[in-house]
Protein backbone atom coordinates (compact mmCIF):
# COMPACT_ATOMS: atom_id res chain seq x y z
CA MET A 1 -30.05 69.03 18.67
CA LEU A 2 -29.85 69.32 14.90
CA LYS A 3 -33.12 70.53 13.41
CA PRO A 4 -34.86 68.77 10.49
CA ALA A 5 -33.72 71.63 8.21
CA PHE A 6 -30.11 70.43 8.68
CA PHE A 7 -31.05 67.17 6.95
CA ASP A 8 -33.13 68.88 4.23
CA ARG A 9 -30.15 69.20 1.90
CA PRO A 10 -28.31 66.95 -0.56
CA ALA A 11 -27.00 63.77 1.08
CA ASP A 12 -23.34 64.46 0.28
CA ARG A 13 -23.44 67.84 2.06
CA VAL A 14 -25.22 66.36 5.07
CA ALA A 15 -22.77 63.43 5.20
CA ARG A 16 -19.79 65.79 5.28
CA ASP A 17 -21.40 68.15 7.81
CA LEU A 18 -22.30 65.32 10.21
CA LEU A 19 -18.60 64.64 10.81
CA GLY A 20 -17.73 65.88 14.29
CA CYS A 21 -21.36 65.99 15.42
CA THR A 22 -22.46 63.88 18.39
CA LEU A 23 -24.82 60.93 17.99
CA VAL A 24 -26.88 60.51 21.17
CA ARG A 25 -28.79 57.40 22.19
CA ARG A 26 -31.06 57.54 25.23
CA LEU A 27 -31.08 54.31 27.26
CA ALA A 28 -32.62 53.45 30.62
CA ALA A 29 -29.15 53.58 32.19
CA GLY A 30 -28.49 57.05 30.72
CA ASP A 31 -27.56 58.74 27.46
CA ILE A 32 -24.55 57.53 25.52
CA HIS A 33 -22.66 59.81 23.13
CA GLY A 34 -20.48 59.09 20.11
CA ARG A 35 -18.67 61.60 17.91
CA ILE A 36 -19.49 60.87 14.25
CA VAL A 37 -16.24 60.16 12.36
CA GLU A 38 -17.37 58.35 9.19
CA THR A 39 -20.42 58.65 6.92
CA GLU A 40 -21.61 57.71 3.43
CA ALA A 41 -24.12 59.51 1.19
CA TYR A 42 -26.77 57.64 -0.80
CA PHE A 43 -29.07 59.24 -3.35
CA GLY A 44 -32.33 58.17 -4.98
CA PRO A 45 -33.32 55.70 -7.69
CA ASP A 46 -30.46 56.70 -10.01
CA ASP A 47 -27.84 55.70 -7.42
CA PRO A 48 -26.97 52.02 -8.06
CA ALA A 49 -26.09 51.48 -4.36
CA SER A 50 -29.13 53.27 -2.93
CA ARG A 51 -31.86 51.49 -1.00
CA ALA A 52 -34.25 53.58 -3.14
CA LYS A 53 -33.06 52.20 -6.50
CA ALA A 54 -36.06 49.83 -6.78
CA GLY A 55 -38.58 52.51 -5.79
CA ARG A 56 -40.62 52.94 -2.64
CA LYS A 57 -40.90 49.81 -0.50
CA ILE A 58 -42.08 49.30 3.08
CA TYR A 59 -38.52 49.09 4.46
CA ASN A 60 -37.20 52.25 2.72
CA THR A 61 -40.17 54.52 3.48
CA PRO A 62 -38.10 57.06 5.49
CA MET A 63 -36.12 57.93 2.35
CA PHE A 64 -39.36 59.01 0.67
CA ASP A 65 -41.05 60.69 3.65
CA GLY A 66 -38.86 63.74 4.24
CA ALA A 67 -35.64 64.83 5.86
CA GLY A 68 -34.43 64.04 9.37
CA LEU A 69 -36.05 60.63 9.80
CA ILE A 70 -34.26 57.60 11.22
CA PHE A 71 -33.88 54.90 8.57
CA ILE A 72 -32.66 51.47 9.69
CA TYR A 73 -32.28 48.39 7.53
CA ASN A 74 -30.49 45.05 7.87
CA VAL A 75 -27.35 43.87 6.08
CA HIS A 76 -25.76 40.52 6.95
CA LYS A 77 -27.53 40.35 10.36
CA TYR A 78 -26.51 43.91 11.33
CA TRP A 79 -28.69 47.01 11.57
CA MET A 80 -27.50 50.02 9.53
CA LEU A 81 -28.29 53.50 10.90
CA ASN A 82 -29.17 56.20 8.36
CA PHE A 83 -30.83 59.59 8.45
CA SER A 84 -33.06 60.62 5.56
CA THR A 85 -31.99 63.73 3.69
CA GLN A 86 -33.33 65.73 0.79
CA PRO A 87 -36.21 63.59 -0.59
CA VAL A 88 -35.23 60.05 -1.53
CA SER A 89 -31.71 60.22 -0.09
CA ALA A 90 -30.00 59.12 3.11
CA VAL A 91 -26.73 59.24 5.03
CA LEU A 92 -25.29 56.08 6.55
CA ILE A 93 -23.46 56.55 9.85
CA ARG A 94 -20.44 54.22 9.47
CA ALA A 95 -18.50 54.91 12.67
CA VAL A 96 -18.42 56.97 15.86
CA GLU A 97 -15.80 57.64 18.52
CA PRO A 98 -17.32 56.65 21.88
CA LEU A 99 -17.33 59.64 24.22
CA ASN A 100 -18.85 58.29 27.44
CA PHE A 101 -18.87 54.52 26.93
CA GLU A 102 -16.46 51.80 25.84
CA ALA A 103 -17.13 49.68 22.75
CA ASN A 104 -15.86 48.90 19.28
CA THR A 105 -17.84 51.27 17.05
CA LYS A 106 -15.67 50.98 13.90
CA GLY A 107 -18.21 50.05 11.24
CA PRO A 108 -21.98 50.47 10.96
CA GLY A 109 -22.92 47.07 12.42
CA ARG A 110 -20.67 47.40 15.44
CA LEU A 111 -21.92 50.95 15.98
CA THR A 112 -25.58 49.93 16.11
CA MET A 113 -24.84 46.99 18.41
CA ALA A 114 -22.78 49.13 20.80
CA MET A 115 -25.37 51.91 20.93
CA HIS A 116 -28.40 49.58 21.10
CA ILE A 117 -29.86 50.90 17.85
CA HIS A 118 -32.51 48.66 16.32
CA LYS A 119 -35.25 48.48 13.67
CA GLY A 120 -37.88 49.76 16.11
CA LEU A 121 -36.46 53.29 15.72
CA THR A 122 -36.94 53.45 11.94
CA THR A 123 -39.34 56.13 10.59
CA MET A 124 -39.04 58.19 13.79
CA PRO A 125 -37.63 61.72 13.65
CA ALA A 126 -34.08 62.23 14.90
CA HIS A 127 -35.21 63.81 18.18
CA PRO A 128 -34.84 63.19 21.95
CA GLU A 129 -38.45 61.93 22.07
CA SER A 130 -37.34 59.13 19.70
CA GLU A 131 -34.39 58.36 21.99
CA LEU A 132 -31.91 58.90 19.12
CA TRP A 133 -30.69 62.25 17.83
CA VAL A 134 -27.68 64.29 16.69
CA GLU A 135 -26.16 67.32 18.40
CA GLU A 136 -23.82 69.90 16.92
CA GLY A 137 -20.11 69.29 17.28
CA GLU A 138 -16.68 70.42 16.20
CA PRO A 139 -15.85 69.56 12.57
CA PRO A 140 -12.65 67.57 11.99
CA LYS A 141 -9.48 69.38 10.94
CA GLN A 142 -9.00 67.09 7.93
CA ILE A 143 -11.72 65.29 5.99
CA GLY A 144 -10.96 62.31 3.77
CA ARG A 145 -13.11 60.99 0.94
CA SER A 146 -13.32 57.69 -0.88
CA GLY A 147 -15.71 55.42 -2.66
CA ARG A 148 -18.36 53.79 -0.49
CA ILE A 149 -17.38 50.56 1.24
CA GLY A 150 -19.01 47.29 0.20
CA VAL A 151 -20.55 48.81 -2.94
CA THR A 152 -20.07 46.84 -6.16
CA THR A 153 -21.42 49.52 -8.51
CA ASP A 154 -20.73 53.04 -7.29
CA LEU A 155 -21.23 56.57 -8.55
CA PRO A 156 -18.08 58.27 -9.89
CA GLU A 157 -17.97 60.85 -7.08
CA PRO A 158 -16.44 59.67 -3.76
CA LEU A 159 -19.37 59.65 -1.31
CA ARG A 160 -17.67 58.32 1.83
CA PHE A 161 -16.48 61.02 4.23
CA PHE A 162 -14.25 60.48 7.27
CA ASP A 163 -12.13 62.25 9.86
CA LEU A 164 -8.56 61.66 8.66
CA ASP A 165 -7.21 62.03 12.21
CA SER A 166 -9.61 59.62 13.92
CA ALA A 167 -8.53 56.18 15.08
CA TRP A 168 -12.22 55.16 15.05
CA VAL A 169 -12.67 55.18 11.26
CA SER A 170 -13.12 51.72 9.72
CA ALA A 171 -9.87 50.47 8.18
CA HIS A 172 -10.93 50.05 4.54
CA LYS A 173 -9.69 52.76 2.20
CA LYS A 174 -8.74 55.07 5.07
CA THR A 175 -5.56 56.35 3.40
CA LYS A 176 -7.24 57.55 0.23
């Protein structure tokens, strides 16, 4: 299991280093595992696409409360899974490769539906007691970068990271 110190770094470093790690969700029927293949980094109030740009609100509390917390919010009826990083930042998990289950997990909404991730997990630490955590894994051989998907105003640095060799990465901007 990744320790909170792993997440206590800048969001772009955490986003890159999460590639190849295993996302684990504990369910009554047993644990399901997905290899993280796509992430996006979001920073604080100065990031125009960040959930923290308008300051601290009830829904974005995990971004302000320290590293390694589960942060879930809703976009177009889908839950988005994030982990808080260095204060007032977060990493969105965009896609995983299913390891011991079958589902379409290409994209953050499909991922949360397939892994039964919901709003009730937000603010909890990424830990087995919370029934959602991340374990170490093998980094990809090739890492791609691009601008974040679905963002109208973005930072100049490409903050989307993905495994160039994975068939589970969402299709948008994969070749960049």
